[in-house]
């Protein structure tokens, strides 16, 4: 079953909203993919300078990491550059998965990218040592379930969500 099927009306609304434009997409300007991604990342970390301190990307080295809500992939690239053992990212929209896949291809990085639902994560219990999400879970119609799913997938208390 496709991730776009079996969505309740509220979740379908959330999906439609973010499928129209990924978060920060208006900042992705430039003639090349690299320029677009550079502009997007610069704007993201200029507008939200506290993300890096909160996320502590450098602690991803050798870890199994899941990012819930990958958007255009700026944070996901930072996790990839930290040298994780395994990196996975999930987003409710095909648009975000496509942006992040293009970003990773542009930079020669690898991640297990999937379209999916934060309330029904397609991963085993305790699969990740770090589960990260920035400004995403509160958009879920069942926010409590999204947090419970993130916790279920986390093998320890390293749950970084905002």
Protein backbone atom coordinates (compact mmCIF):
# COMPACT_ATOMS: atom_id res chain seq x y z
CA UNK A 1 0.00 0.00 0.00
CA UNK A 2 1.30 3.43 -0.97
CA UNK A 3 1.95 5.89 1.87
CA UNK A 4 -0.55 8.28 0.29
CA UNK A 5 -3.35 5.75 0.78
CA UNK A 6 -5.12 5.16 4.07
CA UNK A 7 -4.45 8.65 5.45
CA UNK A 8 -7.13 10.18 7.61
CA UNK A 9 -8.55 13.54 6.51
CA UNK A 10 -6.33 15.61 8.83
CA UNK A 11 -3.14 13.79 7.88
CA UNK A 12 -4.06 14.10 4.20
CA UNK A 13 -4.38 17.88 4.75
CA UNK A 14 -0.92 17.99 6.37
CA UNK A 15 0.52 15.98 3.50
CA UNK A 16 -1.08 18.26 0.88
CA UNK A 17 0.26 21.36 2.64
CA UNK A 18 3.88 20.11 2.72
CA UNK A 19 3.67 18.53 -0.73
CA UNK A 20 2.96 22.01 -2.18
CA UNK A 21 6.39 23.21 -0.97
CA UNK A 22 8.90 21.68 1.41
CA UNK A 23 9.91 23.73 4.43
CA UNK A 24 12.36 26.42 3.35
CA UNK A 25 12.04 25.64 -0.34
CA UNK A 26 11.70 29.36 -1.12
CA UNK A 27 15.36 29.78 -0.11
CA UNK A 28 16.60 27.15 -2.60
CA UNK A 29 17.69 29.55 -5.31
CA UNK A 30 20.45 29.18 -7.83
CA UNK A 31 21.26 27.83 -11.24
CA UNK A 32 22.74 24.52 -10.06
CA UNK A 33 21.62 21.91 -7.55
CA UNK A 34 24.65 22.64 -5.37
CA UNK A 35 23.85 26.36 -5.35
CA UNK A 36 20.20 25.71 -4.44
CA UNK A 37 21.18 23.41 -1.58
CA UNK A 38 23.85 25.82 -0.34
CA UNK A 39 21.39 28.74 -0.35
CA UNK A 40 18.77 26.63 1.45
CA UNK A 41 21.19 25.46 4.17
CA UNK A 42 22.60 28.95 4.71
CA UNK A 43 19.11 30.41 5.14
CA UNK A 44 18.02 27.56 7.43
CA UNK A 45 20.92 27.91 9.84
CA UNK A 46 20.87 31.72 9.70
CA UNK A 47 17.14 31.82 10.54
CA UNK A 48 17.38 29.04 13.14
CA UNK A 49 20.96 29.25 14.45
CA UNK A 50 20.16 27.09 17.48
CA UNK A 51 19.54 23.93 15.40
CA UNK A 52 23.21 22.91 15.40
CA UNK A 53 23.57 23.27 19.19
CA UNK A 54 20.34 21.37 19.76
CA UNK A 55 21.02 18.55 17.29
CA UNK A 56 24.70 17.98 18.16
CA UNK A 57 25.25 16.46 14.72
CA UNK A 58 28.85 15.58 15.58
CA UNK A 59 27.58 12.97 18.04
CA UNK A 60 26.24 10.91 15.13
CA UNK A 61 29.60 9.28 14.43
CA UNK A 62 29.18 5.50 14.48
CA UNK A 63 25.51 5.72 15.47
CA UNK A 64 22.31 4.41 13.88
CA UNK A 65 20.27 7.54 13.17
CA UNK A 66 16.68 8.15 12.12
CA UNK A 67 15.44 11.59 11.11
CA UNK A 68 11.67 11.99 11.08
CA UNK A 69 10.62 14.75 8.67
CA UNK A 70 13.61 15.20 6.38
CA UNK A 71 12.21 18.15 4.43
CA UNK A 72 14.82 19.32 1.94
CA UNK A 73 17.57 17.39 3.69
CA UNK A 74 19.82 20.10 5.19
CA UNK A 75 19.92 18.47 8.64
CA UNK A 76 20.06 15.02 7.06
CA UNK A 77 23.27 16.01 5.27
CA UNK A 78 24.76 17.12 8.59
CA UNK A 79 23.91 13.72 10.10
CA UNK A 80 25.46 11.98 7.07
CA UNK A 81 28.65 14.02 7.39
CA UNK A 82 29.01 12.97 11.04
CA UNK A 83 29.85 9.42 9.90
CA UNK A 84 26.93 7.36 11.18
CA UNK A 85 26.93 3.58 10.99
CA UNK A 86 23.43 3.73 9.45
CA UNK A 87 21.29 6.71 8.48
CA UNK A 88 17.60 6.65 7.64
CA UNK A 89 15.16 9.45 6.90
CA UNK A 90 11.41 9.47 6.55
CA UNK A 91 8.93 12.08 5.40
CA UNK A 92 5.20 12.16 4.77
CA UNK A 93 5.68 13.66 1.31
CA UNK A 94 7.26 12.36 -1.88
CA UNK A 95 8.42 15.93 -2.56
CA UNK A 96 10.65 15.96 0.52
CA UNK A 97 12.04 12.51 -0.21
CA UNK A 98 12.84 13.63 -3.78
CA UNK A 99 14.56 16.83 -2.60
CA UNK A 100 16.66 14.95 -0.07
CA UNK A 101 17.50 12.18 -2.54
CA UNK A 102 18.68 14.81 -5.04
CA UNK A 103 20.70 16.56 -2.33
CA UNK A 104 22.36 13.29 -1.32
CA UNK A 105 23.10 12.40 -4.94
CA UNK A 106 24.61 15.86 -5.48
CA UNK A 107 26.94 15.44 -2.48
CA UNK A 108 27.64 11.72 -2.99
CA UNK A 109 26.03 10.72 0.31
CA UNK A 110 23.93 7.68 1.22
CA UNK A 111 20.80 7.27 3.34
CA UNK A 112 17.83 4.95 3.56
CA UNK A 113 15.17 7.49 2.49
CA UNK A 114 11.50 6.58 2.70
CA UNK A 115 8.10 8.13 2.32
CA UNK A 116 6.16 7.32 5.47
CA UNK A 117 4.14 8.36 8.43
CA UNK A 118 5.56 9.45 11.82
CA UNK A 119 2.59 7.83 13.55
CA UNK A 120 3.40 4.45 11.98
CA UNK A 121 7.16 4.20 11.56
CA UNK A 122 8.27 1.23 9.41
CA UNK A 123 11.18 0.30 11.68
CA UNK A 124 11.72 -2.34 14.38
CA UNK A 125 11.74 -1.46 18.08
CA UNK A 126 15.07 -0.07 19.29
CA UNK A 127 16.47 0.21 15.74
CA UNK A 128 18.22 3.54 16.25
CA UNK A 129 20.56 5.01 18.83
CA UNK A 130 19.48 8.54 17.83
CA UNK A 131 16.03 9.59 16.64
CA UNK A 132 15.92 13.23 15.53
CA UNK A 133 13.10 15.47 14.42
CA UNK A 134 13.03 19.25 14.13
CA UNK A 135 9.69 21.07 13.99
CA UNK A 136 7.79 18.10 12.59
CA UNK A 137 5.98 15.90 15.10
CA UNK A 138 3.59 18.62 16.26
CA UNK A 139 2.15 18.70 12.71
CA UNK A 140 0.91 15.14 13.12
CA UNK A 141 -2.81 14.81 13.86
CA UNK A 142 -1.94 12.33 16.64
CA UNK A 143 1.12 14.01 18.12
CA UNK A 144 1.27 11.66 21.10
CA UNK A 145 1.38 8.63 18.82
CA UNK A 146 4.16 10.21 16.73
CA UNK A 147 6.24 10.73 19.89
CA UNK A 148 5.51 7.19 21.07
CA UNK A 149 6.63 5.82 17.69
CA UNK A 150 9.86 7.86 17.84
CA UNK A 151 10.52 6.53 21.32
CA UNK A 152 9.73 2.95 20.26
CA UNK A 153 12.36 3.12 17.51
CA UNK A 154 14.97 4.63 19.82
CA UNK A 155 17.20 2.11 21.55
CA UNK A 156 18.05 4.59 24.29
CA UNK A 157 17.04 8.01 25.56
CA UNK A 158 18.77 9.90 22.71
CA UNK A 159 15.56 11.30 21.35
CA UNK A 160 16.10 14.78 19.89
CA UNK A 161 12.79 16.36 18.95
CA UNK A 162 11.65 19.94 18.79
